[in-house]
């Protein structure tokens, strides 16, 4: 059976523990055919004003809609959920975490374009999807791509973001092919998704702008304090601090 590539994004009521999916959008790339799925869904959790500000989805837009699990898009996603297929998401833990609340546990191989980008483009000012939309001038290509797929592009709309993600994936694949010429680029991106990222520079705190190696030499105690006292310390930063300290 031919592999399929599911490029996915969700919009949600917010980012908290009780928040839920209110839009599910994805494109399925197969050997010949392309599927586009984009559905609003209702939720018992009210949409936060902060979320509305980001995606523009109001309570009226989801009133009377099916719940996420009852949408055609969700049911099709379950059919595609096998280890032969690939799921491509920007910041996968967030969307997969939201989908888990709807009873979806992915069996697909996951490519997180955020993590891939952090590996192969470590010096960028940001790694957000909209940042790369402008950095790589994807906005110049998206209308042609959208017209071909019959998609309307709106900022922060799930299916609009999926379209940009499709274009970004092509860019990242080209960079991966150049950097790892002997590897299968798709499998390499799957591998990079689960590989810890070696952070080189502090982006916050009193040592902002300094390299981790500089701080390890001058203020190793501060780094050890971070490891023992900061409960919300990013896993990649934790790995990087341990690496430079030789722990």
C-alpha atoms as a PDB file:
ATOM      1  CA  UNK A   1       0.000   0.000   0.000  1.00  0.00           C
ATOM      2  CA  UNK A   2       1.368   3.460  -0.956  1.00  0.00           C
ATOM      3  CA  UNK A   3       2.557   5.666   1.886  1.00  0.00           C
ATOM      4  CA  UNK A   4       0.511   8.739   2.649  1.00  0.00           C
ATOM      5  CA  UNK A   5       1.709  12.011   4.137  1.00  0.00           C
ATOM      6  CA  UNK A   6      -0.755  13.831   6.399  1.00  0.00           C
ATOM      7  CA  UNK A   7       0.118  17.529   6.842  1.00  0.00           C
ATOM      8  CA  UNK A   8      -2.001  18.707   9.753  1.00  0.00           C
ATOM      9  CA  UNK A   9      -2.921  21.667  11.954  1.00  0.00           C
ATOM     10  CA  UNK A  10      -5.594  22.271  14.560  1.00  0.00           C
ATOM     11  CA  UNK A  11      -7.210  25.362  16.029  1.00  0.00           C
ATOM     12  CA  UNK A  12      -8.361  25.122  19.620  1.00  0.00           C
ATOM     13  CA  UNK A  13     -10.353  26.852  22.362  1.00  0.00           C
ATOM     14  CA  UNK A  14      -7.040  27.745  24.040  1.00  0.00           C
ATOM     15  CA  UNK A  15      -3.781  26.154  25.148  1.00  0.00           C
ATOM     16  CA  UNK A  16      -4.751  24.864  28.601  1.00  0.00           C
ATOM     17  CA  UNK A  17      -5.429  21.401  29.948  1.00  0.00           C
ATOM     18  CA  UNK A  18      -9.196  21.651  29.457  1.00  0.00           C
ATOM     19  CA  UNK A  19      -9.066  23.198  25.979  1.00  0.00           C
ATOM     20  CA  UNK A  20     -10.266  21.304  22.932  1.00  0.00           C
ATOM     21  CA  UNK A  21     -10.054  21.151  19.140  1.00  0.00           C
ATOM     22  CA  UNK A  22     -12.503  23.403  17.258  1.00  0.00           C
ATOM     23  CA  UNK A  23     -10.992  23.127  13.773  1.00  0.00           C
ATOM     24  CA  UNK A  24      -9.219  20.195  12.177  1.00  0.00           C
ATOM     25  CA  UNK A  25      -7.450  20.815   8.892  1.00  0.00           C
ATOM     26  CA  UNK A  26      -5.115  18.572   6.937  1.00  0.00           C
ATOM     27  CA  UNK A  27      -3.932  17.635   3.469  1.00  0.00           C
ATOM     28  CA  UNK A  28      -3.221  14.016   2.550  1.00  0.00           C
ATOM     29  CA  UNK A  29      -0.536  13.529  -0.077  1.00  0.00           C
ATOM     30  CA  UNK A  30      -0.610  10.135  -1.752  1.00  0.00           C
ATOM     31  CA  UNK A  31       1.111   8.608  -4.778  1.00  0.00           C
ATOM     32  CA  UNK A  32      -1.443  10.174  -7.145  1.00  0.00           C
ATOM     33  CA  UNK A  33      -4.366  11.708  -5.286  1.00  0.00           C
ATOM     34  CA  UNK A  34      -4.498  14.622  -2.828  1.00  0.00           C
ATOM     35  CA  UNK A  35      -7.207  14.933  -0.153  1.00  0.00           C
ATOM     36  CA  UNK A  36      -8.115  18.164   1.620  1.00  0.00           C
ATOM     37  CA  UNK A  37     -10.021  18.045   4.916  1.00  0.00           C
ATOM     38  CA  UNK A  38     -11.056  21.162   6.823  1.00  0.00           C
ATOM     39  CA  UNK A  39     -13.861  21.149   9.399  1.00  0.00           C
ATOM     40  CA  UNK A  40     -15.009  23.261  12.319  1.00  0.00           C
ATOM     41  CA  UNK A  41     -16.237  21.371  15.367  1.00  0.00           C
ATOM     42  CA  UNK A  42     -18.156  22.270  18.491  1.00  0.00           C
ATOM     43  CA  UNK A  43     -16.860  22.059  22.035  1.00  0.00           C
ATOM     44  CA  UNK A  44     -18.317  22.365  25.535  1.00  0.00           C
ATOM     45  CA  UNK A  45     -15.217  24.391  26.458  1.00  0.00           C
ATOM     46  CA  UNK A  46     -15.723  28.101  25.688  1.00  0.00           C
ATOM     47  CA  UNK A  47     -13.247  29.678  23.250  1.00  0.00           C
ATOM     48  CA  UNK A  48     -10.895  31.995  25.150  1.00  0.00           C
ATOM     49  CA  UNK A  49     -10.608  35.569  23.916  1.00  0.00           C
ATOM     50  CA  UNK A  50      -6.861  35.072  23.485  1.00  0.00           C
ATOM     51  CA  UNK A  51      -7.515  32.131  21.178  1.00  0.00           C
ATOM     52  CA  UNK A  52     -10.122  34.107  19.222  1.00  0.00           C
ATOM     53  CA  UNK A  53      -7.552  36.864  18.765  1.00  0.00           C
ATOM     54  CA  UNK A  54      -5.165  34.343  17.172  1.00  0.00           C
ATOM     55  CA  UNK A  55      -7.481  32.320  14.921  1.00  0.00           C
ATOM     56  CA  UNK A  56     -10.610  34.444  14.608  1.00  0.00           C
ATOM     57  CA  UNK A  57     -12.988  31.544  15.308  1.00  0.00           C
ATOM     58  CA  UNK A  58     -16.035  32.803  17.231  1.00  0.00           C
ATOM     59  CA  UNK A  59     -18.680  30.761  19.127  1.00  0.00           C
ATOM     60  CA  UNK A  60     -21.186  31.465  16.323  1.00  0.00           C
ATOM     61  CA  UNK A  61     -18.898  29.765  13.757  1.00  0.00           C
ATOM     62  CA  UNK A  62     -18.934  26.435  15.623  1.00  0.00           C
ATOM     63  CA  UNK A  63     -22.511  26.534  16.908  1.00  0.00           C
ATOM     64  CA  UNK A  64     -24.405  23.410  15.843  1.00  0.00           C
ATOM     65  CA  UNK A  65     -21.290  21.745  14.423  1.00  0.00           C
ATOM     66  CA  UNK A  66     -20.384  18.119  15.198  1.00  0.00           C
ATOM     67  CA  UNK A  67     -17.904  17.375  17.941  1.00  0.00           C
ATOM     68  CA  UNK A  68     -14.372  16.680  16.708  1.00  0.00           C
ATOM     69  CA  UNK A  69     -14.798  12.901  16.954  1.00  0.00           C
ATOM     70  CA  UNK A  70     -17.965  13.034  14.852  1.00  0.00           C
ATOM     71  CA  UNK A  71     -16.470  14.994  11.951  1.00  0.00           C
ATOM     72  CA  UNK A  72     -15.667  13.326   8.645  1.00  0.00           C
ATOM     73  CA  UNK A  73     -12.131  14.737   8.940  1.00  0.00           C
ATOM     74  CA  UNK A  74     -11.520  12.973  12.274  1.00  0.00           C
ATOM     75  CA  UNK A  75     -12.950   9.652  11.076  1.00  0.00           C
ATOM     76  CA  UNK A  76     -10.751   9.766   7.960  1.00  0.00           C
ATOM     77  CA  UNK A  77      -7.731  10.586  10.147  1.00  0.00           C
ATOM     78  CA  UNK A  78      -8.408   7.429  12.162  1.00  0.00           C
ATOM     79  CA  UNK A  79      -8.476   5.401   8.922  1.00  0.00           C
ATOM     80  CA  UNK A  80      -5.082   6.831   7.954  1.00  0.00           C
ATOM     81  CA  UNK A  81      -3.603   6.127  11.385  1.00  0.00           C
ATOM     82  CA  UNK A  82      -1.143   3.335  10.563  1.00  0.00           C
ATOM     83  CA  UNK A  83       2.631   2.985  10.874  1.00  0.00           C
ATOM     84  CA  UNK A  84       2.957   3.063   7.063  1.00  0.00           C
ATOM     85  CA  UNK A  85       1.909   6.720   6.952  1.00  0.00           C
ATOM     86  CA  UNK A  86       3.538   9.973   8.059  1.00  0.00           C
ATOM     87  CA  UNK A  87       2.114  12.853  10.108  1.00  0.00           C
ATOM     88  CA  UNK A  88       3.694  16.269   9.527  1.00  0.00           C
ATOM     89  CA  UNK A  89       2.986  19.023  12.095  1.00  0.00           C
ATOM     90  CA  UNK A  90       4.704  22.240  13.202  1.00  0.00           C
ATOM     91  CA  UNK A  91       5.100  21.864  16.988  1.00  0.00           C
ATOM     92  CA  UNK A  92       3.681  18.336  17.013  1.00  0.00           C
ATOM     93  CA  UNK A  93       3.381  17.841  20.805  1.00  0.00           C
ATOM     94  CA  UNK A  94       0.712  20.554  21.002  1.00  0.00           C
ATOM     95  CA  UNK A  95      -1.565  19.288  18.217  1.00  0.00           C
ATOM     96  CA  UNK A  96      -1.047  15.615  19.096  1.00  0.00           C
ATOM     97  CA  UNK A  97      -1.793  16.417  22.743  1.00  0.00           C
ATOM     98  CA  UNK A  98      -5.031  18.129  21.709  1.00  0.00           C
ATOM     99  CA  UNK A  99      -5.991  15.210  19.460  1.00  0.00           C
ATOM    100  CA  UNK A 100      -5.297  12.756  22.301  1.00  0.00           C
ATOM    101  CA  UNK A 101      -8.098  14.451  24.260  1.00  0.00           C
ATOM    102  CA  UNK A 102     -10.366  13.516  21.338  1.00  0.00           C
ATOM    103  CA  UNK A 103      -9.267   9.860  21.590  1.00  0.00           C
ATOM    104  CA  UNK A 104      -6.693   9.988  18.787  1.00  0.00           C
ATOM    105  CA  UNK A 105      -3.302   8.390  19.480  1.00  0.00           C
ATOM    106  CA  UNK A 106      -1.077   8.538  16.440  1.00  0.00           C
ATOM    107  CA  UNK A 107       0.475   5.365  15.060  1.00  0.00           C
ATOM    108  CA  UNK A 108       1.944   7.328  12.161  1.00  0.00           C
ATOM    109  CA  UNK A 109       5.602   8.277  11.918  1.00  0.00           C
ATOM    110  CA  UNK A 110       5.802  11.908  13.037  1.00  0.00           C
ATOM    111  CA  UNK A 111       7.785  14.717  11.434  1.00  0.00           C
ATOM    112  CA  UNK A 112       7.768  17.841  13.598  1.00  0.00           C
ATOM    113  CA  UNK A 113       8.923  20.612  11.263  1.00  0.00           C
ATOM    114  CA  UNK A 114       9.593  22.872  14.265  1.00  0.00           C
ATOM    115  CA  UNK A 115      12.164  20.432  15.669  1.00  0.00           C
ATOM    116  CA  UNK A 116      13.642  19.695  12.232  1.00  0.00           C
ATOM    117  CA  UNK A 117      14.062  23.440  11.648  1.00  0.00           C
ATOM    118  CA  UNK A 118      15.743  23.904  15.044  1.00  0.00           C
ATOM    119  CA  UNK A 119      18.245  21.182  14.131  1.00  0.00           C
ATOM    120  CA  UNK A 120      19.141  22.361  10.644  1.00  0.00           C
ATOM    121  CA  UNK A 121      18.583  26.133  11.078  1.00  0.00           C
ATOM    122  CA  UNK A 122      19.840  26.691  14.643  1.00  0.00           C
ATOM    123  CA  UNK A 123      20.778  30.360  14.200  1.00  0.00           C
ATOM    124  CA  UNK A 124      17.383  31.682  13.073  1.00  0.00           C
ATOM    125  CA  UNK A 125      15.791  34.426  15.190  1.00  0.00           C
ATOM    126  CA  UNK A 126      12.640  32.296  15.493  1.00  0.00           C
ATOM    127  CA  UNK A 127      11.285  28.971  14.282  1.00  0.00           C
ATOM    128  CA  UNK A 128       7.586  29.818  14.085  1.00  0.00           C
ATOM    129  CA  UNK A 129       5.614  28.874  10.993  1.00  0.00           C
ATOM    130  CA  UNK A 130       4.736  32.471  10.122  1.00  0.00           C
ATOM    131  CA  UNK A 131       8.401  33.486  10.535  1.00  0.00           C
ATOM    132  CA  UNK A 132       9.408  30.925   7.901  1.00  0.00           C
ATOM    133  CA  UNK A 133       6.498  32.002   5.706  1.00  0.00           C
ATOM    134  CA  UNK A 134       8.316  35.323   5.243  1.00  0.00           C
ATOM    135  CA  UNK A 135      11.901  34.101   5.624  1.00  0.00           C
ATOM    136  CA  UNK A 136      11.541  31.657   2.707  1.00  0.00           C
ATOM    137  CA  UNK A 137       9.032  33.874   0.833  1.00  0.00           C
ATOM    138  CA  UNK A 138       6.456  31.088   0.926  1.00  0.00           C
ATOM    139  CA  UNK A 139       3.724  33.725   0.719  1.00  0.00           C
ATOM    140  CA  UNK A 140       4.713  34.239  -2.913  1.00  0.00           C
ATOM    141  CA  UNK A 141       3.925  30.600  -3.707  1.00  0.00           C
ATOM    142  CA  UNK A 142       0.897  29.970  -1.540  1.00  0.00           C
ATOM    143  CA  UNK A 143      -1.831  31.449  -3.763  1.00  0.00           C
ATOM    144  CA  UNK A 144      -0.862  29.251  -6.691  1.00  0.00           C
ATOM    145  CA  UNK A 145      -0.707  26.239  -4.380  1.00  0.00           C
ATOM    146  CA  UNK A 146      -4.041  27.145  -2.742  1.00  0.00           C
ATOM    147  CA  UNK A 147      -5.797  27.590  -6.086  1.00  0.00           C
ATOM    148  CA  UNK A 148      -4.557  24.195  -7.254  1.00  0.00           C
ATOM    149  CA  UNK A 149      -5.990  22.573  -4.109  1.00  0.00           C
ATOM    150  CA  UNK A 150      -9.133  24.714  -3.878  1.00  0.00           C
ATOM    151  CA  UNK A 151      -8.091  26.209  -0.532  1.00  0.00           C
ATOM    152  CA  UNK A 152      -8.740  29.722   0.773  1.00  0.00           C
ATOM    153  CA  UNK A 153      -5.733  31.107   2.646  1.00  0.00           C
ATOM    154  CA  UNK A 154      -6.241  33.037   5.890  1.00  0.00           C
ATOM    155  CA  UNK A 155      -3.580  33.684   8.532  1.00  0.00           C
ATOM    156  CA  UNK A 156      -3.780  31.344  11.536  1.00  0.00           C
ATOM    157  CA  UNK A 157      -6.572  29.325   9.922  1.00  0.00           C
ATOM    158  CA  UNK A 158      -5.853  25.601  10.256  1.00  0.00           C
ATOM    159  CA  UNK A 159      -5.966  24.791   6.536  1.00  0.00           C
ATOM    160  CA  UNK A 160      -4.112  27.999   5.631  1.00  0.00           C
ATOM    161  CA  UNK A 161      -1.330  27.022   8.024  1.00  0.00           C
ATOM    162  CA  UNK A 162      -1.307  23.507   6.543  1.00  0.00           C
ATOM    163  CA  UNK A 163      -0.684  24.994   3.115  1.00  0.00           C
ATOM    164  CA  UNK A 164       2.302  27.006   4.403  1.00  0.00           C
ATOM    165  CA  UNK A 165       3.494  23.895   6.226  1.00  0.00           C
ATOM    166  CA  UNK A 166       3.413  21.926   2.959  1.00  0.00           C
ATOM    167  CA  UNK A 167       5.619  24.573   1.317  1.00  0.00           C
ATOM    168  CA  UNK A 168       7.949  24.705   4.356  1.00  0.00           C
ATOM    169  CA  UNK A 169       8.303  20.917   4.320  1.00  0.00           C
ATOM    170  CA  UNK A 170       9.653  21.090   0.763  1.00  0.00           C
ATOM    171  CA  UNK A 171      12.227  23.723   1.825  1.00  0.00           C
ATOM    172  CA  UNK A 172      13.337  21.721   4.858  1.00  0.00           C
ATOM    173  CA  UNK A 173      13.591  18.560   2.781  1.00  0.00           C
ATOM    174  CA  UNK A 174      15.957  20.324   0.341  1.00  0.00           C
ATOM    175  CA  UNK A 175      18.173  21.491   3.233  1.00  0.00           C
ATOM    176  CA  UNK A 176      18.162  18.013   4.819  1.00  0.00           C
ATOM    177  CA  UNK A 177      19.136  16.449   1.474  1.00  0.00           C
ATOM    178  CA  UNK A 178      22.098  18.838   1.216  1.00  0.00           C
ATOM    179  CA  UNK A 179      23.194  18.358   4.825  1.00  0.00           C
ATOM    180  CA  UNK A 180      22.697  14.570   4.949  1.00  0.00           C
ATOM    181  CA  UNK A 181      23.290  13.505   1.312  1.00  0.00           C
ATOM    182  CA  UNK A 182      23.418   9.770   2.063  1.00  0.00           C
ATOM    183  CA  UNK A 183      20.217   9.642   4.124  1.00  0.00           C
ATOM    184  CA  UNK A 184      16.603   9.253   3.049  1.00  0.00           C
ATOM    185  CA  UNK A 185      15.395  12.835   3.723  1.00  0.00           C
ATOM    186  CA  UNK A 186      11.951  11.811   4.994  1.00  0.00           C
ATOM    187  CA  UNK A 187      13.329   9.204   7.400  1.00  0.00           C
ATOM    188  CA  UNK A 188      16.032  11.679   8.469  1.00  0.00           C
ATOM    189  CA  UNK A 189      13.341  14.216   9.379  1.00  0.00           C
ATOM    190  CA  UNK A 190      11.542  11.539  11.425  1.00  0.00           C
ATOM    191  CA  UNK A 191      14.847  10.845  13.209  1.00  0.00           C
ATOM    192  CA  UNK A 192      15.580  14.549  13.821  1.00  0.00           C
ATOM    193  CA  UNK A 193      12.105  14.938  15.337  1.00  0.00           C
ATOM    194  CA  UNK A 194      13.070  12.634  18.220  1.00  0.00           C
ATOM    195  CA  UNK A 195      16.739  13.660  18.483  1.00  0.00           C
ATOM    196  CA  UNK A 196      17.610  16.082  21.328  1.00  0.00           C
ATOM    197  CA  UNK A 197      18.655  19.528  20.112  1.00  0.00           C
ATOM    198  CA  UNK A 198      21.981  20.887  21.317  1.00  0.00           C
ATOM    199  CA  UNK A 199      21.216  24.482  22.307  1.00  0.00           C
ATOM    200  CA  UNK A 200      24.309  26.677  21.924  1.00  0.00           C
ATOM    201  CA  UNK A 201      23.219  30.061  23.320  1.00  0.00           C
ATOM    202  CA  UNK A 202      21.081  31.286  26.200  1.00  0.00           C
ATOM    203  CA  UNK A 203      18.025  33.154  24.910  1.00  0.00           C
ATOM    204  CA  UNK A 204      16.794  34.356  28.307  1.00  0.00           C
ATOM    205  CA  UNK A 205      17.915  35.141  31.854  1.00  0.00           C
ATOM    206  CA  UNK A 206      21.013  36.850  33.172  1.00  0.00           C
ATOM    207  CA  UNK A 207      23.278  35.079  30.650  1.00  0.00           C
ATOM    208  CA  UNK A 208      21.156  35.875  27.602  1.00  0.00           C
ATOM    209  CA  UNK A 209      23.329  35.981  24.462  1.00  0.00           C
ATOM    210  CA  UNK A 210      26.212  34.017  25.995  1.00  0.00           C
ATOM    211  CA  UNK A 211      27.074  30.518  24.822  1.00  0.00           C
ATOM    212  CA  UNK A 212      26.418  27.606  27.151  1.00  0.00           C
ATOM    213  CA  UNK A 213      30.129  26.778  27.037  1.00  0.00           C
ATOM    214  CA  UNK A 214      31.035  30.307  28.231  1.00  0.00           C
ATOM    215  CA  UNK A 215      28.605  30.045  31.122  1.00  0.00           C
ATOM    216  CA  UNK A 216      29.783  26.521  32.001  1.00  0.00           C
ATOM    217  CA  UNK A 217      33.304  27.941  32.375  1.00  0.00           C
ATOM    218  CA  UNK A 218      32.327  31.064  34.342  1.00  0.00           C
ATOM    219  CA  UNK A 219      29.146  30.196  36.237  1.00  0.00           C
ATOM    220  CA  UNK A 220      28.595  26.427  36.310  1.00  0.00           C
ATOM    221  CA  UNK A 221      26.779  26.797  39.633  1.00  0.00           C
ATOM    222  CA  UNK A 222      24.020  28.766  37.941  1.00  0.00           C
ATOM    223  CA  UNK A 223      23.561  25.984  35.402  1.00  0.00           C
ATOM    224  CA  UNK A 224      23.369  23.365  38.149  1.00  0.00           C
ATOM    225  CA  UNK A 225      20.799  25.541  39.919  1.00  0.00           C
ATOM    226  CA  UNK A 226      18.744  25.672  36.709  1.00  0.00           C
ATOM    227  CA  UNK A 227      18.775  21.865  36.492  1.00  0.00           C
ATOM    228  CA  UNK A 228      17.726  21.367  40.107  1.00  0.00           C
ATOM    229  CA  UNK A 229      15.297  24.253  40.589  1.00  0.00           C
ATOM    230  CA  UNK A 230      13.584  25.108  37.291  1.00  0.00           C
ATOM    231  CA  UNK A 231      10.665  22.668  36.946  1.00  0.00           C
ATOM    232  CA  UNK A 232       9.599  23.968  33.529  1.00  0.00           C
ATOM    233  CA  UNK A 233      13.082  23.848  31.991  1.00  0.00           C
ATOM    234  CA  UNK A 234      12.938  22.984  28.293  1.00  0.00           C
ATOM    235  CA  UNK A 235      14.047  19.362  27.657  1.00  0.00           C
ATOM    236  CA  UNK A 236      16.506  20.401  24.948  1.00  0.00           C
ATOM    237  CA  UNK A 237      18.084  23.040  27.197  1.00  0.00           C
ATOM    238  CA  UNK A 238      18.314  20.486  30.019  1.00  0.00           C
ATOM    239  CA  UNK A 239      20.043  18.036  27.670  1.00  0.00           C
ATOM    240  CA  UNK A 240      22.397  20.790  26.441  1.00  0.00           C
ATOM    241  CA  UNK A 241      23.338  21.958  29.960  1.00  0.00           C
ATOM    242  CA  UNK A 242      24.062  18.362  30.993  1.00  0.00           C
ATOM    243  CA  UNK A 243      26.176  17.922  27.861  1.00  0.00           C
ATOM    244  CA  UNK A 244      28.363  21.016  28.422  1.00  0.00           C
ATOM    245  CA  UNK A 245      28.725  20.230  32.127  1.00  0.00           C
ATOM    246  CA  UNK A 246      29.782  16.704  31.215  1.00  0.00           C
ATOM    247  CA  UNK A 247      27.042  15.259  33.432  1.00  0.00           C
END
